[in-house]
N, C-alpha and C. Protein backbone atom coordinates (compact mmCIF):
# COMPACT_ATOMS: atom_id res chain seq x y z
N MET A 1 -5.79 17.39 -2.19
CA MET A 1 -5.14 16.33 -1.60
C MET A 1 -5.53 16.32 0.02
N SER A 2 -5.80 15.23 0.62
CA SER A 2 -6.00 15.29 2.04
C SER A 2 -4.60 15.13 2.76
N ASN A 3 -4.69 15.49 4.14
CA ASN A 3 -3.49 15.21 4.88
C ASN A 3 -3.19 13.85 5.24
N LYS A 4 -4.16 12.83 4.99
CA LYS A 4 -3.89 11.60 5.31
C LYS A 4 -3.05 10.84 4.20
N THR A 5 -2.14 10.07 4.67
CA THR A 5 -1.31 9.29 3.65
C THR A 5 -2.20 8.24 3.10
N PRO A 6 -2.17 8.12 1.65
CA PRO A 6 -3.02 7.23 0.95
C PRO A 6 -2.51 5.73 1.10
N ILE A 7 -3.37 4.65 1.17
CA ILE A 7 -2.96 3.39 1.18
C ILE A 7 -2.15 3.12 -0.09
N LEU A 8 -1.16 2.34 0.10
CA LEU A 8 -0.20 1.89 -1.05
C LEU A 8 -0.66 0.68 -1.66
N LEU A 9 -1.18 0.62 -2.75
CA LEU A 9 -1.70 -0.53 -3.53
C LEU A 9 -0.67 -1.52 -3.86
N PRO A 10 -0.97 -2.69 -4.05
CA PRO A 10 0.12 -3.73 -4.64
C PRO A 10 0.52 -3.33 -6.01
N CYS A 11 1.57 -4.07 -6.49
CA CYS A 11 2.17 -3.80 -7.83
C CYS A 11 1.22 -4.25 -8.71
N PRO A 12 0.94 -3.23 -9.69
CA PRO A 12 -0.02 -3.53 -10.80
C PRO A 12 0.46 -4.51 -11.88
N SER A 13 1.86 -4.88 -11.90
CA SER A 13 2.39 -5.96 -12.64
C SER A 13 2.21 -7.28 -12.28
N CYS A 14 2.62 -7.47 -10.92
CA CYS A 14 2.71 -8.90 -10.42
C CYS A 14 1.86 -9.06 -9.08
N GLY A 15 1.43 -7.99 -8.56
CA GLY A 15 0.45 -8.18 -7.42
C GLY A 15 1.04 -8.24 -6.07
N SER A 16 2.44 -8.09 -6.11
CA SER A 16 3.38 -8.20 -4.86
C SER A 16 3.20 -6.83 -4.09
N LYS A 17 3.58 -6.87 -2.80
CA LYS A 17 3.70 -5.71 -2.03
C LYS A 17 4.60 -4.66 -2.53
N ALA A 18 4.22 -3.35 -2.40
CA ALA A 18 5.05 -2.23 -2.74
C ALA A 18 5.56 -1.65 -1.64
N ALA A 19 6.66 -0.88 -1.74
CA ALA A 19 7.42 -0.17 -0.80
C ALA A 19 7.83 1.24 -1.25
N VAL A 20 7.75 2.12 -0.29
CA VAL A 20 8.19 3.49 -0.48
C VAL A 20 9.70 3.68 -0.19
N THR A 21 10.45 4.17 -1.02
CA THR A 21 12.00 4.32 -0.77
C THR A 21 12.44 5.73 -0.92
N ARG A 22 13.12 6.24 0.14
CA ARG A 22 13.60 7.61 0.05
C ARG A 22 15.09 7.51 -0.40
N ILE A 23 15.44 8.31 -1.24
CA ILE A 23 16.85 8.38 -1.67
C ILE A 23 17.54 9.74 -1.29
N ARG A 24 18.36 9.80 -0.40
CA ARG A 24 18.89 11.04 0.08
C ARG A 24 20.20 11.32 -0.80
N SER A 25 20.10 12.47 -1.72
CA SER A 25 21.19 12.72 -2.47
C SER A 25 22.14 13.69 -1.70
N ASN A 26 21.53 14.44 -0.84
CA ASN A 26 22.29 15.57 -0.24
C ASN A 26 21.40 15.98 1.00
N PRO A 27 22.02 16.07 2.10
CA PRO A 27 21.23 16.32 3.44
C PRO A 27 20.46 17.75 3.46
N THR A 28 20.98 18.70 2.60
CA THR A 28 20.39 19.95 2.57
C THR A 28 19.30 20.00 1.46
N LEU A 29 19.10 18.96 0.56
CA LEU A 29 18.10 19.12 -0.40
C LEU A 29 16.91 18.03 -0.10
N VAL A 30 15.83 18.33 -0.93
CA VAL A 30 14.74 17.44 -0.68
C VAL A 30 14.98 16.06 -1.22
N ASP A 31 14.59 15.08 -0.53
CA ASP A 31 14.89 13.60 -0.91
C ASP A 31 14.21 13.27 -2.23
N TRP A 32 14.72 12.37 -2.90
CA TRP A 32 14.01 11.62 -4.08
C TRP A 32 13.34 10.57 -3.40
N VAL A 33 12.07 10.48 -3.87
CA VAL A 33 11.20 9.36 -3.36
C VAL A 33 10.56 8.65 -4.55
N THR A 34 10.58 7.24 -4.30
CA THR A 34 10.10 6.25 -5.30
C THR A 34 9.27 5.18 -4.77
N VAL A 35 8.44 4.66 -5.37
CA VAL A 35 7.62 3.44 -4.97
C VAL A 35 8.09 2.39 -5.86
N CYS A 36 8.50 1.22 -5.27
CA CYS A 36 8.87 -0.08 -6.13
C CYS A 36 8.29 -1.27 -5.52
N CYS A 37 8.20 -2.17 -6.39
CA CYS A 37 7.72 -3.51 -6.18
C CYS A 37 8.62 -4.24 -5.16
N THR A 38 8.35 -5.04 -4.22
CA THR A 38 9.25 -5.74 -3.34
C THR A 38 9.67 -7.08 -3.92
N ASN A 39 8.97 -7.58 -5.06
CA ASN A 39 9.38 -8.82 -5.70
C ASN A 39 10.52 -8.68 -6.37
N GLU A 40 11.63 -9.45 -6.09
CA GLU A 40 12.84 -9.23 -6.69
C GLU A 40 12.88 -9.66 -8.22
N ASN A 41 11.89 -10.31 -8.70
CA ASN A 41 11.80 -10.65 -10.05
C ASN A 41 10.94 -9.77 -10.89
N CYS A 42 10.55 -8.67 -10.26
CA CYS A 42 9.74 -7.66 -10.97
C CYS A 42 10.48 -6.31 -10.85
N ALA A 43 10.61 -5.63 -11.95
CA ALA A 43 11.35 -4.34 -11.99
C ALA A 43 10.31 -3.18 -11.89
N MET A 44 9.18 -3.20 -11.59
CA MET A 44 8.11 -2.12 -11.56
C MET A 44 8.48 -1.05 -10.40
N GLN A 45 8.52 0.17 -11.00
CA GLN A 45 8.70 1.24 -9.93
C GLN A 45 8.38 2.57 -10.62
N THR A 46 8.02 3.61 -9.77
CA THR A 46 7.75 4.95 -10.40
C THR A 46 9.02 5.63 -10.59
N MET A 47 9.10 6.54 -11.35
CA MET A 47 10.30 7.43 -11.49
C MET A 47 10.72 8.10 -10.16
N PRO A 48 11.83 8.25 -9.76
CA PRO A 48 12.07 8.95 -8.49
C PRO A 48 11.48 10.39 -8.61
N ILE A 49 10.90 10.94 -7.55
CA ILE A 49 10.33 12.35 -7.62
C ILE A 49 10.79 13.02 -6.43
N HIS A 50 11.21 14.27 -6.71
CA HIS A 50 11.50 15.16 -5.52
C HIS A 50 10.25 15.27 -4.89
N ALA A 51 10.12 14.96 -3.59
CA ALA A 51 8.87 15.10 -2.90
C ALA A 51 9.05 15.32 -1.26
N LEU A 52 8.43 16.41 -0.83
CA LEU A 52 8.44 16.47 0.62
C LEU A 52 7.44 15.50 1.35
N ASN A 53 6.49 15.14 0.52
CA ASN A 53 5.48 14.34 1.00
C ASN A 53 5.27 13.15 0.44
N THR A 54 5.44 11.78 0.92
CA THR A 54 5.33 10.69 0.27
C THR A 54 4.02 10.32 -0.27
N ALA A 55 2.96 11.00 0.21
CA ALA A 55 1.64 10.76 -0.33
C ALA A 55 1.51 11.21 -1.75
N ILE A 56 2.32 12.10 -2.37
CA ILE A 56 2.29 12.44 -3.81
C ILE A 56 2.85 11.25 -4.53
N VAL A 57 3.90 10.54 -4.16
CA VAL A 57 4.46 9.51 -4.83
C VAL A 57 3.40 8.39 -4.82
N ILE A 58 2.82 8.06 -3.64
CA ILE A 58 1.86 7.10 -3.44
C ILE A 58 0.72 7.23 -4.49
N GLU A 59 0.19 8.44 -4.56
CA GLU A 59 -0.78 8.72 -5.48
C GLU A 59 -0.47 8.49 -6.85
N VAL A 60 0.81 8.71 -7.31
CA VAL A 60 1.31 8.41 -8.63
C VAL A 60 1.19 6.91 -8.83
N TRP A 61 1.78 6.16 -7.83
CA TRP A 61 1.84 4.72 -8.05
C TRP A 61 0.46 4.15 -8.07
N ASN A 62 -0.48 4.69 -7.33
CA ASN A 62 -1.84 4.14 -7.25
C ASN A 62 -2.73 4.43 -8.44
N ARG A 63 -2.21 5.33 -9.21
CA ARG A 63 -2.98 5.62 -10.52
C ARG A 63 -2.84 4.40 -11.48
N ARG A 64 -4.22 3.83 -11.82
CA ARG A 64 -4.00 2.69 -12.61
C ARG A 64 -4.88 2.83 -13.97
N VAL A 65 -4.52 2.42 -14.87
CA VAL A 65 -5.18 2.33 -16.18
C VAL A 65 -6.20 1.15 -16.07
N PRO A 66 -7.56 1.44 -16.35
CA PRO A 66 -8.42 0.18 -16.29
C PRO A 66 -7.99 -0.88 -17.31
N HIS A 67 -8.17 -2.02 -16.96
CA HIS A 67 -7.75 -3.14 -17.87
C HIS A 67 -9.08 -3.36 -18.75
N ASN A 68 -8.77 -3.82 -19.95
CA ASN A 68 -9.85 -4.01 -20.86
C ASN A 68 -10.00 -5.57 -20.95
N ILE A 69 -10.86 -6.08 -19.98
CA ILE A 69 -10.94 -7.54 -19.79
C ILE A 69 -12.20 -8.13 -20.56
N ASP A 70 -11.97 -9.17 -21.35
CA ASP A 70 -12.96 -9.78 -22.17
C ASP A 70 -13.99 -10.45 -21.16
N ALA A 71 -15.27 -10.13 -21.11
CA ALA A 71 -16.17 -10.69 -20.00
C ALA A 71 -16.37 -12.20 -20.23
N VAL A 72 -16.16 -12.75 -21.44
CA VAL A 72 -16.38 -14.13 -21.72
C VAL A 72 -15.22 -14.88 -21.28
N THR A 73 -14.02 -14.58 -21.79
CA THR A 73 -12.87 -15.40 -21.61
C THR A 73 -12.01 -15.00 -20.30
N GLY A 74 -12.16 -13.66 -19.84
CA GLY A 74 -11.55 -13.26 -18.69
C GLY A 74 -10.14 -12.86 -19.00
N ASN A 75 -9.70 -12.77 -20.31
CA ASN A 75 -8.51 -12.36 -20.88
C ASN A 75 -8.41 -10.99 -21.17
N ASP A 76 -7.20 -10.45 -21.12
CA ASP A 76 -6.94 -8.93 -21.51
C ASP A 76 -7.28 -8.90 -23.10
N ARG A 77 -7.93 -7.91 -23.56
CA ARG A 77 -8.05 -7.65 -24.91
C ARG A 77 -7.17 -6.70 -25.42
N TRP A 78 -6.51 -6.85 -26.57
CA TRP A 78 -5.58 -5.83 -27.16
C TRP A 78 -6.48 -4.64 -27.68
N LEU A 79 -6.08 -3.44 -27.49
CA LEU A 79 -6.80 -2.31 -28.07
C LEU A 79 -6.25 -1.98 -29.42
N PRO A 80 -7.04 -1.69 -30.39
CA PRO A 80 -6.42 -1.39 -31.76
C PRO A 80 -5.66 -0.07 -31.69
N VAL A 81 -4.50 -0.05 -32.35
CA VAL A 81 -3.71 1.32 -32.43
C VAL A 81 -3.94 1.84 -33.81
N THR A 82 -4.33 3.12 -33.92
CA THR A 82 -4.55 3.60 -35.13
C THR A 82 -3.38 4.61 -35.36
N PRO A 83 -2.77 4.66 -36.47
CA PRO A 83 -1.67 5.76 -36.81
C PRO A 83 -2.18 7.09 -36.83
């Protein structure tokens, strides 16, 4: 991991801006850090992580599963689930 803070990608659910939030539980402990969507109608967020460096949480948020888009219709294709 580099020393540079990574760029925070938009929300993978709705495309709105994302924000890093620090949750201080105790002044002597490491903060909890989460990334969440700023759209009040979207509940997307990472699980709070104990982190000294916000770059770790941003990297978790930025990890995306590639969409399986149909090249003809442009729609998401459902992937078969096998038991």
